[in-house]
């Protein structure tokens, strides 16, 4: 593990492994990096640094933190971190459950956690992604993953959009993202990724907040998607084996 992943560089470069975890699988508020191509990771860092990649929500601190890290990390640190994460093998990390009701949650530590006392509420058209074991997740235990509750029927709807394009509403994702959505060349994999993250990226691309070179091919596929479509796509892709 490179030093920048394990320790970062005080005061302005966070340890990559603190947020994205040593296994590279990440958390709902950031991205899974395990198995992503080196050139893709380095291009995203360049886009964060140039301002071409940001969040639609200005107060989303993880995205703001990445802008700061990209601005201060040197090229050698970026390449060594990218090479480390590219060599890691993605693993099943998020359990997808279709449901009509979910535990009430609140935001803590940049993610949703179950509120006490536990009570149920309708899921509506939301994705509720929470730790399988909050205590282990708070300790940055990279053997403890997440559960994502998604609306009933969203996986089937998402499959139609992803596989066939939904009667012209979008484009079949495998054309660029590869067989079983496991990536192709420098195009990232989608299978098994956090659905919360996937929805944010689709929305950011649609609004233009994420506008780096690698996203240009995504502008047409996201142009006509509703937020419900994005939720369905993310539910389906997250349900696949990484």
C-alpha atoms as a PDB file:
ATOM      1  CA  UNK A   1       0.000   0.000   0.000  1.00  0.00           C
ATOM      2  CA  UNK A   2       1.543   3.340  -1.023  1.00  0.00           C
ATOM      3  CA  UNK A   3       2.129   5.830   1.754  1.00  0.00           C
ATOM      4  CA  UNK A   4      -0.375   8.293   0.265  1.00  0.00           C
ATOM      5  CA  UNK A   5      -3.092   5.619   0.570  1.00  0.00           C
ATOM      6  CA  UNK A   6      -2.110   4.634   4.110  1.00  0.00           C
ATOM      7  CA  UNK A   7      -1.199   8.029   5.592  1.00  0.00           C
ATOM      8  CA  UNK A   8      -1.699  10.829   3.084  1.00  0.00           C
ATOM      9  CA  UNK A   9       0.351  13.967   3.521  1.00  0.00           C
ATOM     10  CA  UNK A  10      -0.396  16.483   6.229  1.00  0.00           C
ATOM     11  CA  UNK A  11      -2.036  18.960   6.169  1.00  0.00           C
ATOM     12  CA  UNK A  12      -3.748  18.903   2.789  1.00  0.00           C
ATOM     13  CA  UNK A  13      -3.804  15.350   1.350  1.00  0.00           C
ATOM     14  CA  UNK A  14      -6.062  12.911   3.183  1.00  0.00           C
ATOM     15  CA  UNK A  15      -5.074   9.252   3.245  1.00  0.00           C
ATOM     16  CA  UNK A  16      -6.989   7.686   0.350  1.00  0.00           C
ATOM     17  CA  UNK A  17      -7.687   4.596   2.436  1.00  0.00           C
ATOM     18  CA  UNK A  18      -9.474   6.583   5.135  1.00  0.00           C
ATOM     19  CA  UNK A  19     -12.453   7.404   2.922  1.00  0.00           C
ATOM     20  CA  UNK A  20     -12.202   4.767   0.180  1.00  0.00           C
ATOM     21  CA  UNK A  21     -11.006   2.075   2.644  1.00  0.00           C
ATOM     22  CA  UNK A  22      -7.897  -0.092   2.262  1.00  0.00           C
ATOM     23  CA  UNK A  23      -9.841  -2.573   0.117  1.00  0.00           C
ATOM     24  CA  UNK A  24     -10.946   0.247  -2.210  1.00  0.00           C
ATOM     25  CA  UNK A  25     -14.656  -0.600  -1.883  1.00  0.00           C
ATOM     26  CA  UNK A  26     -15.560   2.797  -0.449  1.00  0.00           C
ATOM     27  CA  UNK A  27     -18.741   3.990   1.256  1.00  0.00           C
ATOM     28  CA  UNK A  28     -22.045   5.466   0.010  1.00  0.00           C
ATOM     29  CA  UNK A  29     -20.779   9.055   0.278  1.00  0.00           C
ATOM     30  CA  UNK A  30     -17.791   8.391  -1.990  1.00  0.00           C
ATOM     31  CA  UNK A  31     -16.726   5.953  -4.684  1.00  0.00           C
ATOM     32  CA  UNK A  32     -15.543   2.385  -4.936  1.00  0.00           C
ATOM     33  CA  UNK A  33     -12.099   2.479  -6.551  1.00  0.00           C
ATOM     34  CA  UNK A  34     -11.232  -1.216  -6.512  1.00  0.00           C
ATOM     35  CA  UNK A  35     -10.429  -2.472  -9.987  1.00  0.00           C
ATOM     36  CA  UNK A  36     -10.895   0.835 -11.796  1.00  0.00           C
ATOM     37  CA  UNK A  37      -8.382   1.471 -14.608  1.00  0.00           C
ATOM     38  CA  UNK A  38      -5.333   3.556 -13.689  1.00  0.00           C
ATOM     39  CA  UNK A  39      -5.947   6.039 -16.491  1.00  0.00           C
ATOM     40  CA  UNK A  40      -9.583   6.481 -15.466  1.00  0.00           C
ATOM     41  CA  UNK A  41      -8.641   7.258 -11.856  1.00  0.00           C
ATOM     42  CA  UNK A  42      -5.919   9.712 -12.859  1.00  0.00           C
ATOM     43  CA  UNK A  43      -8.307  11.452 -15.285  1.00  0.00           C
ATOM     44  CA  UNK A  44     -10.890  11.885 -12.518  1.00  0.00           C
ATOM     45  CA  UNK A  45      -8.256  13.428 -10.275  1.00  0.00           C
ATOM     46  CA  UNK A  46      -7.346  15.821 -13.076  1.00  0.00           C
ATOM     47  CA  UNK A  47     -11.019  16.714 -13.526  1.00  0.00           C
ATOM     48  CA  UNK A  48     -11.424  17.396  -9.801  1.00  0.00           C
ATOM     49  CA  UNK A  49      -8.325  19.589  -9.900  1.00  0.00           C
ATOM     50  CA  UNK A  50      -9.465  21.584 -12.928  1.00  0.00           C
ATOM     51  CA  UNK A  51     -12.993  22.062 -11.571  1.00  0.00           C
ATOM     52  CA  UNK A  52     -14.638  20.065 -14.342  1.00  0.00           C
ATOM     53  CA  UNK A  53     -15.836  17.476 -11.851  1.00  0.00           C
ATOM     54  CA  UNK A  54     -17.819  18.684  -8.866  1.00  0.00           C
ATOM     55  CA  UNK A  55     -21.126  18.004  -7.137  1.00  0.00           C
ATOM     56  CA  UNK A  56     -24.500  19.499  -8.007  1.00  0.00           C
ATOM     57  CA  UNK A  57     -24.861  19.974  -4.250  1.00  0.00           C
ATOM     58  CA  UNK A  58     -22.197  22.526  -3.148  1.00  0.00           C
ATOM     59  CA  UNK A  59     -22.346  21.382   0.493  1.00  0.00           C
ATOM     60  CA  UNK A  60     -21.546  17.740  -0.362  1.00  0.00           C
ATOM     61  CA  UNK A  61     -18.321  17.628   1.617  1.00  0.00           C
ATOM     62  CA  UNK A  62     -16.805  14.413   0.210  1.00  0.00           C
ATOM     63  CA  UNK A  63     -16.795  15.906  -3.297  1.00  0.00           C
ATOM     64  CA  UNK A  64     -15.395  19.194  -1.978  1.00  0.00           C
ATOM     65  CA  UNK A  65     -12.689  17.259  -0.129  1.00  0.00           C
ATOM     66  CA  UNK A  66     -11.696  15.514  -3.365  1.00  0.00           C
ATOM     67  CA  UNK A  67     -11.241  18.861  -5.074  1.00  0.00           C
ATOM     68  CA  UNK A  68      -8.844  19.853  -2.300  1.00  0.00           C
ATOM     69  CA  UNK A  69      -6.926  16.579  -2.391  1.00  0.00           C
ATOM     70  CA  UNK A  70      -6.594  16.726  -6.182  1.00  0.00           C
ATOM     71  CA  UNK A  71      -5.289  20.282  -5.962  1.00  0.00           C
ATOM     72  CA  UNK A  72      -2.492  19.332  -3.557  1.00  0.00           C
ATOM     73  CA  UNK A  73      -1.497  15.767  -4.461  1.00  0.00           C
ATOM     74  CA  UNK A  74       1.487  15.481  -6.780  1.00  0.00           C
ATOM     75  CA  UNK A  75       1.548  13.379  -9.932  1.00  0.00           C
ATOM     76  CA  UNK A  76       3.566  10.566  -8.358  1.00  0.00           C
ATOM     77  CA  UNK A  77       1.113  10.255  -5.479  1.00  0.00           C
ATOM     78  CA  UNK A  78      -1.849  10.151  -7.834  1.00  0.00           C
ATOM     79  CA  UNK A  79      -0.277   7.496 -10.058  1.00  0.00           C
ATOM     80  CA  UNK A  80       0.841   5.299  -7.158  1.00  0.00           C
ATOM     81  CA  UNK A  81      -2.598   5.430  -5.534  1.00  0.00           C
ATOM     82  CA  UNK A  82      -4.291   4.717  -8.865  1.00  0.00           C
ATOM     83  CA  UNK A  83      -2.017   1.720  -9.495  1.00  0.00           C
ATOM     84  CA  UNK A  84      -2.756   0.355  -6.016  1.00  0.00           C
ATOM     85  CA  UNK A  85      -6.542   0.585  -6.337  1.00  0.00           C
ATOM     86  CA  UNK A  86      -6.509  -0.730  -9.919  1.00  0.00           C
ATOM     87  CA  UNK A  87      -4.887  -3.956  -8.714  1.00  0.00           C
ATOM     88  CA  UNK A  88      -7.581  -4.635  -6.099  1.00  0.00           C
ATOM     89  CA  UNK A  89     -10.358  -7.062  -6.977  1.00  0.00           C
ATOM     90  CA  UNK A  90     -13.900  -5.758  -6.393  1.00  0.00           C
ATOM     91  CA  UNK A  91     -16.028  -7.959  -4.140  1.00  0.00           C
ATOM     92  CA  UNK A  92     -19.723  -8.175  -3.172  1.00  0.00           C
ATOM     93  CA  UNK A  93     -20.152  -5.214  -0.835  1.00  0.00           C
ATOM     94  CA  UNK A  94     -23.768  -4.011  -0.992  1.00  0.00           C
ATOM     95  CA  UNK A  95     -26.846  -6.136  -0.330  1.00  0.00           C
ATOM     96  CA  UNK A  96     -29.860  -4.911  -2.333  1.00  0.00           C
ATOM     97  CA  UNK A  97     -33.332  -5.338  -0.835  1.00  0.00           C
ATOM     98  CA  UNK A  98     -36.557  -4.283  -2.551  1.00  0.00           C
ATOM     99  CA  UNK A  99     -39.059  -3.100   0.050  1.00  0.00           C
ATOM    100  CA  UNK A 100     -42.038  -0.827   0.622  1.00  0.00           C
ATOM    101  CA  UNK A 101     -40.911   0.337   4.073  1.00  0.00           C
ATOM    102  CA  UNK A 102     -37.539   1.224   5.574  1.00  0.00           C
ATOM    103  CA  UNK A 103     -36.158   2.160   8.986  1.00  0.00           C
ATOM    104  CA  UNK A 104     -36.245   5.873   9.689  1.00  0.00           C
ATOM    105  CA  UNK A 105     -32.742   7.280   9.263  1.00  0.00           C
ATOM    106  CA  UNK A 106     -30.715  10.426   9.831  1.00  0.00           C
ATOM    107  CA  UNK A 107     -27.407  11.704   8.489  1.00  0.00           C
ATOM    108  CA  UNK A 108     -24.313  11.070  10.597  1.00  0.00           C
ATOM    109  CA  UNK A 109     -20.716  10.981   9.405  1.00  0.00           C
ATOM    110  CA  UNK A 110     -21.750  11.729   5.793  1.00  0.00           C
ATOM    111  CA  UNK A 111     -24.004   8.654   5.577  1.00  0.00           C
ATOM    112  CA  UNK A 112     -27.470   7.497   6.606  1.00  0.00           C
ATOM    113  CA  UNK A 113     -27.793   5.605   9.889  1.00  0.00           C
ATOM    114  CA  UNK A 114     -30.865   4.095  11.542  1.00  0.00           C
ATOM    115  CA  UNK A 115     -32.537   6.388  14.069  1.00  0.00           C
ATOM    116  CA  UNK A 116     -33.377   5.281  17.605  1.00  0.00           C
ATOM    117  CA  UNK A 117     -35.924   4.145  18.614  1.00  0.00           C
ATOM    118  CA  UNK A 118     -36.308   2.143  15.416  1.00  0.00           C
ATOM    119  CA  UNK A 119     -39.449   3.000  13.458  1.00  0.00           C
ATOM    120  CA  UNK A 120     -40.569   2.284   9.894  1.00  0.00           C
ATOM    121  CA  UNK A 121     -41.644   4.675   7.140  1.00  0.00           C
ATOM    122  CA  UNK A 122     -42.523   4.335   3.413  1.00  0.00           C
ATOM    123  CA  UNK A 123     -39.505   4.191   1.137  1.00  0.00           C
ATOM    124  CA  UNK A 124     -41.223   6.238  -1.581  1.00  0.00           C
ATOM    125  CA  UNK A 125     -38.906   6.648  -4.584  1.00  0.00           C
ATOM    126  CA  UNK A 126     -35.728   6.693  -2.536  1.00  0.00           C
ATOM    127  CA  UNK A 127     -32.645   4.574  -2.059  1.00  0.00           C
ATOM    128  CA  UNK A 128     -31.802   4.128   1.627  1.00  0.00           C
ATOM    129  CA  UNK A 129     -28.235   2.826   1.928  1.00  0.00           C
ATOM    130  CA  UNK A 130     -26.984   2.060   5.438  1.00  0.00           C
ATOM    131  CA  UNK A 131     -24.163   0.063   7.059  1.00  0.00           C
ATOM    132  CA  UNK A 132     -24.752  -3.603   7.787  1.00  0.00           C
ATOM    133  CA  UNK A 133     -22.981  -2.969  11.096  1.00  0.00           C
ATOM    134  CA  UNK A 134     -22.687   0.690  12.107  1.00  0.00           C
ATOM    135  CA  UNK A 135     -20.029   0.186  14.779  1.00  0.00           C
ATOM    136  CA  UNK A 136     -17.726  -1.699  12.425  1.00  0.00           C
ATOM    137  CA  UNK A 137     -18.287   0.837   9.642  1.00  0.00           C
ATOM    138  CA  UNK A 138     -17.466   3.734  11.991  1.00  0.00           C
ATOM    139  CA  UNK A 139     -14.182   1.946  12.782  1.00  0.00           C
ATOM    140  CA  UNK A 140     -13.415   1.830   9.027  1.00  0.00           C
ATOM    141  CA  UNK A 141     -13.606  -1.966   9.077  1.00  0.00           C
ATOM    142  CA  UNK A 142     -13.241  -2.913   5.420  1.00  0.00           C
ATOM    143  CA  UNK A 143     -14.779  -6.348   5.957  1.00  0.00           C
ATOM    144  CA  UNK A 144     -18.192  -4.878   6.820  1.00  0.00           C
ATOM    145  CA  UNK A 145     -20.333  -3.701   3.914  1.00  0.00           C
ATOM    146  CA  UNK A 146     -23.707  -2.057   3.343  1.00  0.00           C
ATOM    147  CA  UNK A 147     -27.369  -2.766   2.705  1.00  0.00           C
ATOM    148  CA  UNK A 148     -29.335  -0.694   0.195  1.00  0.00           C
ATOM    149  CA  UNK A 149     -33.120  -0.622   0.334  1.00  0.00           C
ATOM    150  CA  UNK A 150     -34.704   0.189  -3.034  1.00  0.00           C
ATOM    151  CA  UNK A 151     -38.347   0.573  -4.168  1.00  0.00           C
ATOM    152  CA  UNK A 152     -40.260  -2.563  -5.137  1.00  0.00           C
ATOM    153  CA  UNK A 153     -39.998  -3.165  -8.884  1.00  0.00           C
ATOM    154  CA  UNK A 154     -37.009  -0.895  -9.360  1.00  0.00           C
ATOM    155  CA  UNK A 155     -34.588  -3.695 -10.246  1.00  0.00           C
ATOM    156  CA  UNK A 156     -36.847  -4.949 -13.069  1.00  0.00           C
ATOM    157  CA  UNK A 157     -37.408  -1.420 -14.363  1.00  0.00           C
ATOM    158  CA  UNK A 158     -33.684  -0.689 -14.156  1.00  0.00           C
ATOM    159  CA  UNK A 159     -32.828  -3.863 -16.047  1.00  0.00           C
ATOM    160  CA  UNK A 160     -35.050  -2.772 -18.945  1.00  0.00           C
ATOM    161  CA  UNK A 161     -33.382   0.636 -19.080  1.00  0.00           C
ATOM    162  CA  UNK A 162     -29.870  -0.799 -18.775  1.00  0.00           C
ATOM    163  CA  UNK A 163     -30.214  -3.728 -21.161  1.00  0.00           C
ATOM    164  CA  UNK A 164     -32.387  -2.307 -23.945  1.00  0.00           C
ATOM    165  CA  UNK A 165     -32.399   1.437 -23.339  1.00  0.00           C
ATOM    166  CA  UNK A 166     -36.054   1.513 -22.327  1.00  0.00           C
ATOM    167  CA  UNK A 167     -37.591   1.943 -25.790  1.00  0.00           C
ATOM    168  CA  UNK A 168     -35.216   4.724 -26.758  1.00  0.00           C
ATOM    169  CA  UNK A 169     -35.216   6.615 -23.462  1.00  0.00           C
ATOM    170  CA  UNK A 170     -31.506   5.935 -23.014  1.00  0.00           C
ATOM    171  CA  UNK A 171     -28.829   3.676 -24.506  1.00  0.00           C
ATOM    172  CA  UNK A 172     -27.868   0.100 -23.574  1.00  0.00           C
ATOM    173  CA  UNK A 173     -25.156   0.511 -20.939  1.00  0.00           C
ATOM    174  CA  UNK A 174     -23.145  -2.549 -21.998  1.00  0.00           C
ATOM    175  CA  UNK A 175     -22.236  -0.840 -25.292  1.00  0.00           C
ATOM    176  CA  UNK A 176     -19.657   1.198 -23.385  1.00  0.00           C
ATOM    177  CA  UNK A 177     -19.420  -0.381 -19.925  1.00  0.00           C
ATOM    178  CA  UNK A 178     -18.752  -3.883 -21.216  1.00  0.00           C
ATOM    179  CA  UNK A 179     -20.205  -7.360 -20.833  1.00  0.00           C
ATOM    180  CA  UNK A 180     -22.080  -7.715 -17.527  1.00  0.00           C
ATOM    181  CA  UNK A 181     -21.213  -4.043 -16.901  1.00  0.00           C
ATOM    182  CA  UNK A 182     -17.764  -4.980 -15.614  1.00  0.00           C
ATOM    183  CA  UNK A 183     -15.961  -2.262 -17.532  1.00  0.00           C
ATOM    184  CA  UNK A 184     -14.234  -2.055 -20.880  1.00  0.00           C
ATOM    185  CA  UNK A 185     -10.825  -0.469 -21.420  1.00  0.00           C
ATOM    186  CA  UNK A 186     -10.800   2.856 -19.595  1.00  0.00           C
ATOM    187  CA  UNK A 187     -14.600   2.833 -19.155  1.00  0.00           C
ATOM    188  CA  UNK A 188     -15.445   2.000 -15.523  1.00  0.00           C
ATOM    189  CA  UNK A 189     -17.454  -0.970 -14.312  1.00  0.00           C
ATOM    190  CA  UNK A 190     -20.961  -0.397 -12.949  1.00  0.00           C
ATOM    191  CA  UNK A 191     -21.739  -3.825 -11.494  1.00  0.00           C
ATOM    192  CA  UNK A 192     -22.038  -3.914  -7.722  1.00  0.00           C
ATOM    193  CA  UNK A 193     -21.406  -0.213  -7.173  1.00  0.00           C
ATOM    194  CA  UNK A 194     -23.139   1.843  -4.505  1.00  0.00           C
ATOM    195  CA  UNK A 195     -26.568   2.833  -5.856  1.00  0.00           C
ATOM    196  CA  UNK A 196     -26.393   6.103  -3.908  1.00  0.00           C
ATOM    197  CA  UNK A 197     -23.154   6.940  -5.708  1.00  0.00           C
ATOM    198  CA  UNK A 198     -24.508   5.928  -9.124  1.00  0.00           C
ATOM    199  CA  UNK A 199     -27.585   8.159  -8.770  1.00  0.00           C
ATOM    200  CA  UNK A 200     -25.407  11.129  -7.746  1.00  0.00           C
ATOM    201  CA  UNK A 201     -23.162  10.667 -10.768  1.00  0.00           C
ATOM    202  CA  UNK A 202     -26.038  10.319 -13.240  1.00  0.00           C
ATOM    203  CA  UNK A 203     -27.631  13.451 -11.799  1.00  0.00           C
ATOM    204  CA  UNK A 204     -24.346  15.392 -11.747  1.00  0.00           C
ATOM    205  CA  UNK A 205     -23.672  14.502 -15.369  1.00  0.00           C
ATOM    206  CA  UNK A 206     -27.207  15.469 -16.400  1.00  0.00           C
ATOM    207  CA  UNK A 207     -26.920  18.877 -14.688  1.00  0.00           C
ATOM    208  CA  UNK A 208     -23.407  19.507 -16.017  1.00  0.00           C
ATOM    209  CA  UNK A 209     -21.767  19.563 -12.586  1.00  0.00           C
ATOM    210  CA  UNK A 210     -19.646  16.607 -13.678  1.00  0.00           C
ATOM    211  CA  UNK A 211     -18.307  17.581 -17.058  1.00  0.00           C
ATOM    212  CA  UNK A 212     -14.873  16.039 -17.467  1.00  0.00           C
ATOM    213  CA  UNK A 213     -13.621  14.566 -20.727  1.00  0.00           C
ATOM    214  CA  UNK A 214     -14.677  11.030 -19.789  1.00  0.00           C
ATOM    215  CA  UNK A 215     -18.302  12.108 -19.262  1.00  0.00           C
ATOM    216  CA  UNK A 216     -18.964  13.543 -22.720  1.00  0.00           C
ATOM    217  CA  UNK A 217     -20.201  10.193 -24.008  1.00  0.00           C
ATOM    218  CA  UNK A 218     -22.669  10.073 -21.099  1.00  0.00           C
ATOM    219  CA  UNK A 219     -24.500  13.295 -21.928  1.00  0.00           C
ATOM    220  CA  UNK A 220     -26.898  11.754 -24.461  1.00  0.00           C
ATOM    221  CA  UNK A 221     -27.726   8.632 -22.387  1.00  0.00           C
ATOM    222  CA  UNK A 222     -28.680  10.691 -19.293  1.00  0.00           C
ATOM    223  CA  UNK A 223     -30.478  13.548 -21.061  1.00  0.00           C
ATOM    224  CA  UNK A 224     -34.000  12.100 -20.807  1.00  0.00           C
ATOM    225  CA  UNK A 225     -33.719  10.195 -17.539  1.00  0.00           C
ATOM    226  CA  UNK A 226     -36.001  11.115 -14.648  1.00  0.00           C
ATOM    227  CA  UNK A 227     -34.847  10.765 -11.061  1.00  0.00           C
ATOM    228  CA  UNK A 228     -37.009   7.634 -10.789  1.00  0.00           C
ATOM    229  CA  UNK A 229     -35.196   6.203 -13.837  1.00  0.00           C
ATOM    230  CA  UNK A 230     -31.857   6.906 -12.165  1.00  0.00           C
ATOM    231  CA  UNK A 231     -32.987   5.155  -8.985  1.00  0.00           C
ATOM    232  CA  UNK A 232     -34.067   2.123 -11.007  1.00  0.00           C
ATOM    233  CA  UNK A 233     -30.826   1.978 -13.007  1.00  0.00           C
ATOM    234  CA  UNK A 234     -28.758   2.242  -9.837  1.00  0.00           C
ATOM    235  CA  UNK A 235     -30.810  -0.458  -8.100  1.00  0.00           C
ATOM    236  CA  UNK A 236     -30.248  -2.868 -10.986  1.00  0.00           C
ATOM    237  CA  UNK A 237     -26.540  -2.208 -11.466  1.00  0.00           C
ATOM    238  CA  UNK A 238     -25.921  -2.483  -7.715  1.00  0.00           C
ATOM    239  CA  UNK A 239     -27.633  -5.875  -7.672  1.00  0.00           C
ATOM    240  CA  UNK A 240     -25.059  -7.351 -10.096  1.00  0.00           C
ATOM    241  CA  UNK A 241     -21.960  -9.242  -9.094  1.00  0.00           C
ATOM    242  CA  UNK A 242     -18.914  -6.908  -9.316  1.00  0.00           C
END
